[in-house]
Amino acid sequence: NDVAPALVFNPIPVGFEFEQKREAFAVEALKNVKLPA
């Protein structure tokens, strides 16, 4: 089952441009979280 066909699907249309800039992933860390009773 892990042998894939030699044809690989490409979803990228003509004219599509990848975002070039790479930024750090960030999610705000929560403060004052307490273990519930």
Full PDB file with SEQRES, HELIX, SHEET, SSBOND, CRYST1, ORIGX, SCALE, CONECT and MASTER records, all heavy atoms in Angstrom:
SEQRES   1 A   37  ASN ASP VAL ALA PRO ALA LEU VAL PHE ASN PRO ILE PRO          
SEQRES   2 A   37  VAL GLY PHE GLU PHE GLU GLN LYS ARG GLU ALA PHE ALA          
SEQRES   3 A   37  VAL GLU ALA LEU LYS ASN VAL LYS LEU PRO ALA                  
CRYST1    1.000    1.000    1.000  90.00  90.00  90.00 P 1           1          
ORIGX1      1.000000  0.000000  0.000000        0.00000                         
ORIGX2      0.000000  1.000000  0.000000        0.00000                         
ORIGX3      0.000000  0.000000  1.000000        0.00000                         
SCALE1      1.000000  0.000000  0.000000        0.00000                         
SCALE2      0.000000  1.000000  0.000000        0.00000                         
SCALE3      0.000000  0.000000  1.000000        0.00000                         
ATOM      1  N   ASN A   1       0.809  -1.215   0.000  1.00  0.00           N  
ATOM      2  CA  ASN A   1       0.000   0.000   0.000  1.00  0.00           C  
ATOM      3  C   ASN A   1       0.847   1.273   0.000  1.00  0.00           C  
ATOM      4  O   ASN A   1       0.396   2.332  -0.438  1.00  0.00           O  
ATOM      5  CB  ASN A   1      -0.935  -0.009   1.218  1.00  0.00           C  
ATOM      6  CG  ASN A   1      -1.868   1.174   1.259  1.00  0.00           C  
ATOM      7  OD1 ASN A   1      -1.578   2.169   1.906  1.00  0.00           O  
ATOM      8  ND2 ASN A   1      -2.994   1.075   0.559  1.00  0.00           N  
ATOM      9  N   ASP A   2       2.090   1.191   0.463  1.00  0.00           N  
ATOM     10  CA  ASP A   2       2.928   2.388   0.564  1.00  0.00           C  
ATOM     11  C   ASP A   2       3.641   2.737  -0.737  1.00  0.00           C  
ATOM     12  O   ASP A   2       4.344   3.743  -0.804  1.00  0.00           O  
ATOM     13  CB  ASP A   2       3.952   2.229   1.685  1.00  0.00           C  
ATOM     14  CG  ASP A   2       4.903   1.059   1.446  1.00  0.00           C  
ATOM     15  OD1 ASP A   2       4.469   0.068   0.842  1.00  0.00           O  
ATOM     16  OD2 ASP A   2       6.059   1.138   1.878  1.00  0.00           O  
ATOM     17  N   VAL A   3       3.462   1.930  -1.791  1.00  0.00           N  
ATOM     18  CA  VAL A   3       4.086   2.233  -3.081  1.00  0.00           C  
ATOM     19  C   VAL A   3       3.156   3.159  -3.862  1.00  0.00           C  
ATOM     20  O   VAL A   3       2.069   2.756  -4.268  1.00  0.00           O  
ATOM     21  CB  VAL A   3       4.365   0.949  -3.891  1.00  0.00           C  
ATOM     22  CG1 VAL A   3       4.994   1.317  -5.239  1.00  0.00           C  
ATOM     23  CG2 VAL A   3       5.287   0.017  -3.109  1.00  0.00           C  
ATOM     24  N   ALA A   4       3.583   4.396  -4.052  1.00  0.00           N  
ATOM     25  CA  ALA A   4       2.753   5.396  -4.728  1.00  0.00           C  
ATOM     26  C   ALA A   4       2.991   5.366  -6.236  1.00  0.00           C  
ATOM     27  O   ALA A   4       4.051   4.939  -6.695  1.00  0.00           O  
ATOM     28  CB  ALA A   4       3.067   6.787  -4.183  1.00  0.00           C  
ATOM     29  N   PRO A   5       2.028   5.814  -7.024  1.00  0.00           N  
ATOM     30  CA  PRO A   5       2.241   5.917  -8.477  1.00  0.00           C  
ATOM     31  C   PRO A   5       3.345   6.919  -8.793  1.00  0.00           C  
ATOM     32  O   PRO A   5       3.640   7.827  -8.000  1.00  0.00           O  
ATOM     33  CB  PRO A   5       0.887   6.424  -8.993  1.00  0.00           C  
ATOM     34  CG  PRO A   5      -0.093   6.138  -7.909  1.00  0.00           C  
ATOM     35  CD  PRO A   5       0.670   6.223  -6.636  1.00  0.00           C  
ATOM     36  N   ALA A   6       3.930   6.785  -9.963  1.00  0.00           N  
ATOM     37  CA  ALA A   6       4.983   7.706 -10.381  1.00  0.00           C  
ATOM     38  C   ALA A   6       4.428   9.093 -10.701  1.00  0.00           C  
ATOM     39  O   ALA A   6       5.173  10.068 -10.769  1.00  0.00           O  
ATOM     40  CB  ALA A   6       5.718   7.141 -11.593  1.00  0.00           C  
ATOM     41  N   LEU A   7       3.127   9.189 -10.916  1.00  0.00           N  
ATOM     42  CA  LEU A   7       2.486  10.476 -11.164  1.00  0.00           C  
ATOM     43  C   LEU A   7       2.136  11.129  -9.831  1.00  0.00           C  
ATOM     44  O   LEU A   7       1.418  10.549  -9.024  1.00  0.00           O  
ATOM     45  CB  LEU A   7       1.218  10.284 -12.003  1.00  0.00           C  
ATOM     46  CG  LEU A   7       1.403   9.612 -13.370  1.00  0.00           C  
ATOM     47  CD1 LEU A   7       0.044   9.377 -14.017  1.00  0.00           C  
ATOM     48  CD2 LEU A   7       2.281  10.456 -14.268  1.00  0.00           C  
ATOM     49  N   VAL A   8       2.633  12.330  -9.583  1.00  0.00           N  
ATOM     50  CA  VAL A   8       2.408  13.023  -8.312  1.00  0.00           C  
ATOM     51  C   VAL A   8       1.491  14.222  -8.543  1.00  0.00           C  
ATOM     52  O   VAL A   8       1.784  15.100  -9.365  1.00  0.00           O  
ATOM     53  CB  VAL A   8       3.744  13.495  -7.688  1.00  0.00           C  
ATOM     54  CG1 VAL A   8       3.496  14.218  -6.373  1.00  0.00           C  
ATOM     55  CG2 VAL A   8       4.675  12.304  -7.481  1.00  0.00           C  
ATOM     56  N   PHE A   9       0.388  14.267  -7.826  1.00  0.00           N  
ATOM     57  CA  PHE A   9      -0.579  15.359  -7.971  1.00  0.00           C  
ATOM     58  C   PHE A   9       0.028  16.672  -7.491  1.00  0.00           C  
ATOM     59  O   PHE A   9       0.655  16.742  -6.430  1.00  0.00           O  
ATOM     60  CB  PHE A   9      -1.845  15.049  -7.174  1.00  0.00           C  
ATOM     61  CG  PHE A   9      -2.816  16.192  -7.134  1.00  0.00           C  
ATOM     62  CD1 PHE A   9      -3.453  16.621  -8.288  1.00  0.00           C  
ATOM     63  CD2 PHE A   9      -3.108  16.839  -5.937  1.00  0.00           C  
ATOM     64  CE1 PHE A   9      -4.350  17.681  -8.264  1.00  0.00           C  
ATOM     65  CE2 PHE A   9      -4.008  17.893  -5.898  1.00  0.00           C  
ATOM     66  CZ  PHE A   9      -4.629  18.312  -7.057  1.00  0.00           C  
ATOM     67  N   ASN A  10      -0.196  17.718  -8.261  1.00  0.00           N  
ATOM     68  CA  ASN A  10       0.295  19.052  -7.912  1.00  0.00           C  
ATOM     69  C   ASN A  10      -0.882  20.020  -7.903  1.00  0.00           C  
ATOM     70  O   ASN A  10      -1.475  20.286  -8.954  1.00  0.00           O  
ATOM     71  CB  ASN A  10       1.343  19.508  -8.929  1.00  0.00           C  
ATOM     72  CG  ASN A  10       1.967  20.851  -8.563  1.00  0.00           C  
ATOM     73  OD1 ASN A  10       1.610  21.463  -7.566  1.00  0.00           O  
ATOM     74  ND2 ASN A  10       2.895  21.304  -9.382  1.00  0.00           N  
ATOM     75  N   PRO A  11      -1.245  20.570  -6.731  1.00  0.00           N  
ATOM     76  CA  PRO A  11      -2.411  21.456  -6.662  1.00  0.00           C  
ATOM     77  C   PRO A  11      -2.108  22.908  -7.027  1.00  0.00           C  
ATOM     78  O   PRO A  11      -3.007  23.749  -6.971  1.00  0.00           O  
ATOM     79  CB  PRO A  11      -2.797  21.354  -5.180  1.00  0.00           C  
ATOM     80  CG  PRO A  11      -1.479  21.206  -4.478  1.00  0.00           C  
ATOM     81  CD  PRO A  11      -0.635  20.358  -5.405  1.00  0.00           C  
ATOM     82  N   ILE A  12      -0.877  23.206  -7.403  1.00  0.00           N  
ATOM     83  CA  ILE A  12      -0.475  24.600  -7.595  1.00  0.00           C  
ATOM     84  C   ILE A  12      -0.866  25.086  -8.988  1.00  0.00           C  
ATOM     85  O   ILE A  12      -0.430  24.534  -9.995  1.00  0.00           O  
ATOM     86  CB  ILE A  12       1.043  24.755  -7.391  1.00  0.00           C  
ATOM     87  CG1 ILE A  12       1.416  24.322  -5.973  1.00  0.00           C  
ATOM     88  CG2 ILE A  12       1.481  26.195  -7.631  1.00  0.00           C  
ATOM     89  CD1 ILE A  12       2.890  24.268  -5.707  1.00  0.00           C  
ATOM     90  N   PRO A  13      -1.688  26.138  -9.069  1.00  0.00           N  
ATOM     91  CA  PRO A  13      -2.111  26.656 -10.372  1.00  0.00           C  
ATOM     92  C   PRO A  13      -1.041  27.545 -11.006  1.00  0.00           C  
ATOM     93  O   PRO A  13      -0.123  28.029 -10.327  1.00  0.00           O  
ATOM     94  CB  PRO A  13      -3.362  27.478 -10.023  1.00  0.00           C  
ATOM     95  CG  PRO A  13      -3.126  27.923  -8.608  1.00  0.00           C  
ATOM     96  CD  PRO A  13      -2.343  26.826  -7.950  1.00  0.00           C  
ATOM     97  N   VAL A  14      -1.179  27.772 -12.290  1.00  0.00           N  
ATOM     98  CA  VAL A  14      -0.303  28.708 -12.979  1.00  0.00           C  
ATOM     99  C   VAL A  14      -0.501  30.096 -12.368  1.00  0.00           C  
ATOM    100  O   VAL A  14      -1.628  30.540 -12.147  1.00  0.00           O  
ATOM    101  CB  VAL A  14      -0.627  28.739 -14.491  1.00  0.00           C  
ATOM    102  CG1 VAL A  14       0.195  29.809 -15.198  1.00  0.00           C  
ATOM    103  CG2 VAL A  14      -0.382  27.376 -15.105  1.00  0.00           C  
ATOM    104  N   GLY A  15       0.599  30.752 -12.073  1.00  0.00           N  
ATOM    105  CA  GLY A  15       0.511  32.090 -11.495  1.00  0.00           C  
ATOM    106  C   GLY A  15       0.553  32.138  -9.980  1.00  0.00           C  
ATOM    107  O   GLY A  15       0.633  33.221  -9.389  1.00  0.00           O  
ATOM    108  N   PHE A  16       0.493  30.973  -9.337  1.00  0.00           N  
ATOM    109  CA  PHE A  16       0.529  30.949  -7.867  1.00  0.00           C  
ATOM    110  C   PHE A  16       1.933  31.289  -7.372  1.00  0.00           C  
ATOM    111  O   PHE A  16       2.934  30.831  -7.929  1.00  0.00           O  
ATOM    112  CB  PHE A  16       0.120  29.573  -7.342  1.00  0.00           C  
ATOM    113  CG  PHE A  16       0.157  29.446  -5.847  1.00  0.00           C  
ATOM    114  CD1 PHE A  16      -0.918  29.864  -5.086  1.00  0.00           C  
ATOM    115  CD2 PHE A  16       1.268  28.929  -5.198  1.00  0.00           C  
ATOM    116  CE1 PHE A  16      -0.899  29.760  -3.709  1.00  0.00           C  
ATOM    117  CE2 PHE A  16       1.304  28.811  -3.824  1.00  0.00           C  
ATOM    118  CZ  PHE A  16       0.217  29.233  -3.072  1.00  0.00           C  
ATOM    119  N   GLU A  17       1.998  32.083  -6.324  1.00  0.00           N  
ATOM    120  CA  GLU A  17       3.283  32.448  -5.725  1.00  0.00           C  
ATOM    121  C   GLU A  17       3.278  32.069  -4.255  1.00  0.00           C  
ATOM    122  O   GLU A  17       2.376  32.449  -3.511  1.00  0.00           O  
ATOM    123  CB  GLU A  17       3.557  33.943  -5.889  1.00  0.00           C  
ATOM    124  CG  GLU A  17       3.749  34.389  -7.336  1.00  0.00           C  
ATOM    125  CD  GLU A  17       4.081  35.866  -7.451  1.00  0.00           C  
ATOM    126  OE1 GLU A  17       4.183  36.540  -6.397  1.00  0.00           O  
ATOM    127  OE2 GLU A  17       4.220  36.358  -8.593  1.00  0.00           O  
ATOM    128  N   PHE A  18       4.301  31.320  -3.853  1.00  0.00           N  
ATOM    129  CA  PHE A  18       4.445  30.977  -2.439  1.00  0.00           C  
ATOM    130  C   PHE A  18       4.859  32.221  -1.647  1.00  0.00           C  
ATOM    131  O   PHE A  18       5.588  33.086  -2.142  1.00  0.00           O  
ATOM    132  CB  PHE A  18       5.523  29.904  -2.256  1.00  0.00           C  
ATOM    133  CG  PHE A  18       5.072  28.521  -2.597  1.00  0.00           C  
ATOM    134  CD1 PHE A  18       5.379  27.964  -3.830  1.00  0.00           C  
ATOM    135  CD2 PHE A  18       4.341  27.760  -1.694  1.00  0.00           C  
ATOM    136  CE1 PHE A  18       4.973  26.688  -4.162  1.00  0.00           C  
ATOM    137  CE2 PHE A  18       3.928  26.484  -2.015  1.00  0.00           C  
ATOM    138  CZ  PHE A  18       4.241  25.940  -3.246  1.00  0.00           C  
ATOM    139  N   GLU A  19       4.395  32.267  -0.407  1.00  0.00           N  
ATOM    140  CA  GLU A  19       4.868  33.295   0.503  1.00  0.00           C  
ATOM    141  C   GLU A  19       6.353  33.063   0.754  1.00  0.00           C  
ATOM    142  O   GLU A  19       6.787  31.947   1.037  1.00  0.00           O  
ATOM    143  CB  GLU A  19       4.080  33.219   1.818  1.00  0.00           C  
ATOM    144  CG  GLU A  19       4.324  34.365   2.762  1.00  0.00           C  
ATOM    145  CD  GLU A  19       3.391  34.314   3.967  1.00  0.00           C  
ATOM    146  OE1 GLU A  19       2.573  33.387   4.050  1.00  0.00           O  
ATOM    147  OE2 GLU A  19       3.489  35.215   4.830  1.00  0.00           O  
ATOM    148  N   GLN A  20       7.152  34.100   0.621  1.00  0.00           N  
ATOM    149  CA  GLN A  20       8.594  33.958   0.745  1.00  0.00           C  
ATOM    150  C   GLN A  20       9.107  34.205   2.164  1.00  0.00           C  
ATOM    151  O   GLN A  20      10.036  33.552   2.625  1.00  0.00           O  
ATOM    152  CB  GLN A  20       9.295  34.931  -0.213  1.00  0.00           C  
ATOM    153  CG  GLN A  20       8.985  34.665  -1.676  1.00  0.00           C  
ATOM    154  CD  GLN A  20       9.424  33.280  -2.120  1.00  0.00           C  
ATOM    155  OE1 GLN A  20      10.537  32.843  -1.841  1.00  0.00           O  
ATOM    156  NE2 GLN A  20       8.515  32.574  -2.817  1.00  0.00           N  
ATOM    157  N   LYS A  21       8.477  35.127   2.861  1.00  0.00           N  
ATOM    158  CA  LYS A  21       8.951  35.488   4.187  1.00  0.00           C  
ATOM    159  C   LYS A  21       8.608  34.410   5.208  1.00  0.00           C  
ATOM    160  O   LYS A  21       7.502  33.856   5.206  1.00  0.00           O  
ATOM    161  CB  LYS A  21       8.311  36.813   4.609  1.00  0.00           C  
ATOM    162  CG  LYS A  21       8.855  37.382   5.909  1.00  0.00           C  
ATOM    163  CD  LYS A  21       8.204  38.732   6.203  1.00  0.00           C  
ATOM    164  CE  LYS A  21       8.755  39.338   7.480  1.00  0.00           C  
ATOM    165  NZ  LYS A  21       8.104  40.647   7.792  1.00  0.00           N  
ATOM    166  N   ARG A  22       9.553  34.084   6.045  1.00  0.00           N  
ATOM    167  CA  ARG A  22       9.324  33.113   7.117  1.00  0.00           C  
ATOM    168  C   ARG A  22       9.387  33.817   8.461  1.00  0.00           C  
ATOM    169  O   ARG A  22      10.370  34.494   8.767  1.00  0.00           O  
ATOM    170  CB  ARG A  22      10.350  31.977   7.056  1.00  0.00           C  
ATOM    171  CG  ARG A  22      10.188  31.088   5.825  1.00  0.00           C  
ATOM    172  CD  ARG A  22      11.201  29.955   5.813  1.00  0.00           C  
ATOM    173  NE  ARG A  22      11.062  29.141   4.617  1.00  0.00           N  
ATOM    174  CZ  ARG A  22      10.301  28.068   4.503  1.00  0.00           C  
ATOM    175  NH1 ARG A  22       9.605  27.647   5.552  1.00  0.00           N  
ATOM    176  NH2 ARG A  22      10.233  27.395   3.365  1.00  0.00           N  
ATOM    177  N   GLU A  23       8.340  33.643   9.237  1.00  0.00           N  
ATOM    178  CA  GLU A  23       8.254  34.260  10.553  1.00  0.00           C  
ATOM    179  C   GLU A  23       8.117  33.190  11.620  1.00  0.00           C  
ATOM    180  O   GLU A  23       7.664  32.074  11.350  1.00  0.00           O  
ATOM    181  CB  GLU A  23       7.054  35.215  10.605  1.00  0.00           C  
ATOM    182  CG  GLU A  23       7.114  36.327   9.575  1.00  0.00           C  
ATOM    183  CD  GLU A  23       5.835  37.165   9.568  1.00  0.00           C  
ATOM    184  OE1 GLU A  23       4.883  36.808  10.305  1.00  0.00           O  
ATOM    185  OE2 GLU A  23       5.800  38.162   8.827  1.00  0.00           O  
ATOM    186  N   ALA A  24       8.501  33.535  12.823  1.00  0.00           N  
ATOM    187  CA  ALA A  24       8.435  32.579  13.927  1.00  0.00           C  
ATOM    188  C   ALA A  24       6.987  32.297  14.303  1.00  0.00           C  
ATOM    189  O   ALA A  24       6.152  33.209  14.328  1.00  0.00           O  
ATOM    190  CB  ALA A  24       9.191  33.118  15.137  1.00  0.00           C  
ATOM    191  N   PHE A  25       6.707  31.037  14.551  1.00  0.00           N  
ATOM    192  CA  PHE A  25       5.384  30.657  15.059  1.00  0.00           C  
ATOM    193  C   PHE A  25       5.241  31.188  16.473  1.00  0.00           C  
ATOM    194  O   PHE A  25       6.170  31.108  17.286  1.00  0.00           O  
ATOM    195  CB  PHE A  25       5.245  29.134  15.065  1.00  0.00           C  
ATOM    196  CG  PHE A  25       3.966  28.636  15.666  1.00  0.00           C  
ATOM    197  CD1 PHE A  25       2.810  28.580  14.912  1.00  0.00           C  
ATOM    198  CD2 PHE A  25       3.917  28.217  16.985  1.00  0.00           C  
ATOM    199  CE1 PHE A  25       1.615  28.129  15.460  1.00  0.00           C  
ATOM    200  CE2 PHE A  25       2.735  27.748  17.545  1.00  0.00           C  
ATOM    201  CZ  PHE A  25       1.574  27.710  16.780  1.00  0.00           C  
ATOM    202  N   ALA A  26       4.069  31.733  16.776  1.00  0.00           N  
ATOM    203  CA  ALA A  26       3.874  32.275  18.121  1.00  0.00           C  
ATOM    204  C   ALA A  26       2.428  32.151  18.559  1.00  0.00           C  
ATOM    205  O   ALA A  26       1.511  32.557  17.842  1.00  0.00           O  
ATOM    206  CB  ALA A  26       4.307  33.743  18.180  1.00  0.00           C  
ATOM    207  N   VAL A  27       2.246  31.565  19.722  1.00  0.00           N  
ATOM    208  CA  VAL A  27       0.962  31.526  20.417  1.00  0.00           C  
ATOM    209  C   VAL A  27       1.228  32.035  21.818  1.00  0.00           C  
ATOM    210  O   VAL A  27       2.195  31.620  22.471  1.00  0.00           O  
ATOM    211  CB  VAL A  27       0.384  30.093  20.463  1.00  0.00           C  
ATOM    212  CG1 VAL A  27      -0.828  30.031  21.378  1.00  0.00           C  
ATOM    213  CG2 VAL A  27       0.011  29.628  19.069  1.00  0.00           C  
ATOM    214  N   GLU A  28       0.390  32.928  22.270  1.00  0.00           N  
ATOM    215  CA  GLU A  28       0.620  33.530  23.577  1.00  0.00           C  
ATOM    216  C   GLU A  28       0.510  32.493  24.688  1.00  0.00           C  
ATOM    217  O   GLU A  28      -0.492  31.782  24.801  1.00  0.00           O  
ATOM    218  CB  GLU A  28      -0.393  34.644  23.822  1.00  0.00           C  
ATOM    219  CG  GLU A  28      -0.139  35.415  25.113  1.00  0.00           C  
ATOM    220  CD  GLU A  28      -1.095  36.570  25.304  1.00  0.00           C  
ATOM    221  OE1 GLU A  28      -1.922  36.813  24.390  1.00  0.00           O  
ATOM    222  OE2 GLU A  28      -1.034  37.224  26.356  1.00  0.00           O  
ATOM    223  N   ALA A  29       1.576  32.393  25.489  1.00  0.00           N  
ATOM    224  CA  ALA A  29       1.563  31.482  26.634  1.00  0.00           C  
ATOM    225  C   ALA A  29       0.635  32.034  27.708  1.00  0.00           C  
ATOM    226  O   ALA A  29       0.654  33.230  28.012  1.00  0.00           O  
ATOM    227  CB  ALA A  29       2.971  31.310  27.184  1.00  0.00           C  
ATOM    228  N   LEU A  30      -0.194  31.176  28.261  1.00  0.00           N  
ATOM    229  CA  LEU A  30      -1.151  31.608  29.276  1.00  0.00           C  
ATOM    230  C   LEU A  30      -0.487  31.739  30.631  1.00  0.00           C  
ATOM    231  O   LEU A  30       0.392  30.962  31.001  1.00  0.00           O  
ATOM    232  CB  LEU A  30      -2.309  30.609  29.355  1.00  0.00           C  
ATOM    233  CG  LEU A  30      -3.134  30.432  28.078  1.00  0.00           C  
ATOM    234  CD1 LEU A  30      -4.248  29.421  28.306  1.00  0.00           C  
ATOM    235  CD2 LEU A  30      -3.720  31.758  27.612  1.00  0.00           C  
ATOM    236  N   LYS A  31      -0.931  32.738  31.364  1.00  0.00           N  
ATOM    237  CA  LYS A  31      -0.431  32.951  32.720  1.00  0.00           C  
ATOM    238  C   LYS A  31      -1.576  32.716  33.716  1.00  0.00           C  
ATOM    239  O   LYS A  31      -2.748  32.779  33.367  1.00  0.00           O  
ATOM    240  CB  LYS A  31       0.122  34.369  32.872  1.00  0.00           C  
ATOM    241  CG  LYS A  31       1.282  34.686  31.933  1.00  0.00           C  
ATOM    242  CD  LYS A  31       1.733  36.132  32.085  1.00  0.00           C  
ATOM    243  CE  LYS A  31       2.865  36.457  31.122  1.00  0.00           C  
ATOM    244  NZ  LYS A  31       3.292  37.874  31.236  1.00  0.00           N  
ATOM    245  N   ASN A  32      -1.199  32.444  34.921  1.00  0.00           N  
ATOM    246  CA  ASN A  32      -2.166  32.293  36.014  1.00  0.00           C  
ATOM    247  C   ASN A  32      -3.165  31.152  35.785  1.00  0.00           C  
ATOM    248  O   ASN A  32      -4.315  31.223  36.231  1.00  0.00           O  
ATOM    249  CB  ASN A  32      -2.938  33.598  36.251  1.00  0.00           C  
ATOM    250  CG  ASN A  32      -2.012  34.761  36.566  1.00  0.00           C  
ATOM    251  OD1 ASN A  32      -1.054  34.601  37.334  1.00  0.00           O  
ATOM    252  ND2 ASN A  32      -2.274  35.906  35.969  1.00  0.00           N  
ATOM    253  N   VAL A  33      -2.739  30.117  35.071  1.00  0.00           N  
ATOM    254  CA  VAL A  33      -3.578  28.928  34.922  1.00  0.00           C  
ATOM    255  C   VAL A  33      -3.391  28.064  36.162  1.00  0.00           C  
ATOM    256  O   VAL A  33      -2.265  27.742  36.544  1.00  0.00           O  
ATOM    257  CB  VAL A  33      -3.204  28.130  33.660  1.00  0.00           C  
ATOM    258  CG1 VAL A  33      -4.060  26.870  33.559  1.00  0.00           C  
ATOM    259  CG2 VAL A  33      -3.373  28.997  32.423  1.00  0.00           C  
ATOM    260  N   LYS A  34      -4.479  27.720  36.788  1.00  0.00           N  
ATOM    261  CA  LYS A  34      -4.416  26.936  38.023  1.00  0.00           C  
ATOM    262  C   LYS A  34      -5.027  25.552  37.819  1.00  0.00           C  
ATOM    263  O   LYS A  34      -5.963  25.385  37.037  1.00  0.00           O  
ATOM    264  CB  LYS A  34      -5.165  27.659  39.150  1.00  0.00           C  
ATOM    265  CG  LYS A  34      -4.609  29.054  39.473  1.00  0.00           C  
ATOM    266  CD  LYS A  34      -3.165  28.974  39.968  1.00  0.00           C  
ATOM    267  CE  LYS A  34      -2.631  30.363  40.334  1.00  0.00           C  
ATOM    268  NZ  LYS A  34      -1.203  30.301  40.728  1.00  0.00           N  
ATOM    269  N   LEU A  35      -4.496  24.604  38.526  1.00  0.00           N  
ATOM    270  CA  LEU A  35      -5.045  23.257  38.508  1.00  0.00           C  
ATOM    271  C   LEU A  35      -6.455  23.295  39.094  1.00  0.00           C  
ATOM    272  O   LEU A  35      -6.646  23.818  40.207  1.00  0.00           O  
ATOM    273  CB  LEU A  35      -4.150  22.326  39.332  1.00  0.00           C  
ATOM    274  CG  LEU A  35      -4.358  20.824  39.154  1.00  0.00           C  
ATOM    275  CD1 LEU A  35      -3.986  20.398  37.744  1.00  0.00           C  
ATOM    276  CD2 LEU A  35      -3.515  20.064  40.176  1.00  0.00           C  
ATOM    277  N   PRO A  36      -7.463  22.802  38.402  1.00  0.00           N  
ATOM    278  CA  PRO A  36      -8.835  22.908  38.904  1.00  0.00           C  
ATOM    279  C   PRO A  36      -9.045  22.032  40.141  1.00  0.00           C  
ATOM    280  O   PRO A  36      -8.434  20.964  40.277  1.00  0.00           O  
ATOM    281  CB  PRO A  36      -9.678  22.418  37.729  1.00  0.00           C  
ATOM    282  CG  PRO A  36      -8.771  21.501  36.978  1.00  0.00           C  
ATOM    283  CD  PRO A  36      -7.398  22.081  37.109  1.00  0.00           C  
ATOM    284  N   ALA A  37      -9.910  22.502  41.027  1.00  0.00           N  
ATOM    285  CA  ALA A  37     -10.235  21.717  42.226  1.00  0.00           C  
ATOM    286  C   ALA A  37     -10.865  20.386  41.818  1.00  0.00           C  
ATOM    287  O   ALA A  37     -10.606  19.348  42.419  1.00  0.00           O  
ATOM    288  CB  ALA A  37     -11.176  22.520  43.126  1.00  0.00           C  
TER     289      ALA A  37                                                      
MASTER        0    0    0    0    0    0    0    6  288    1    0    3          
END                                                                             
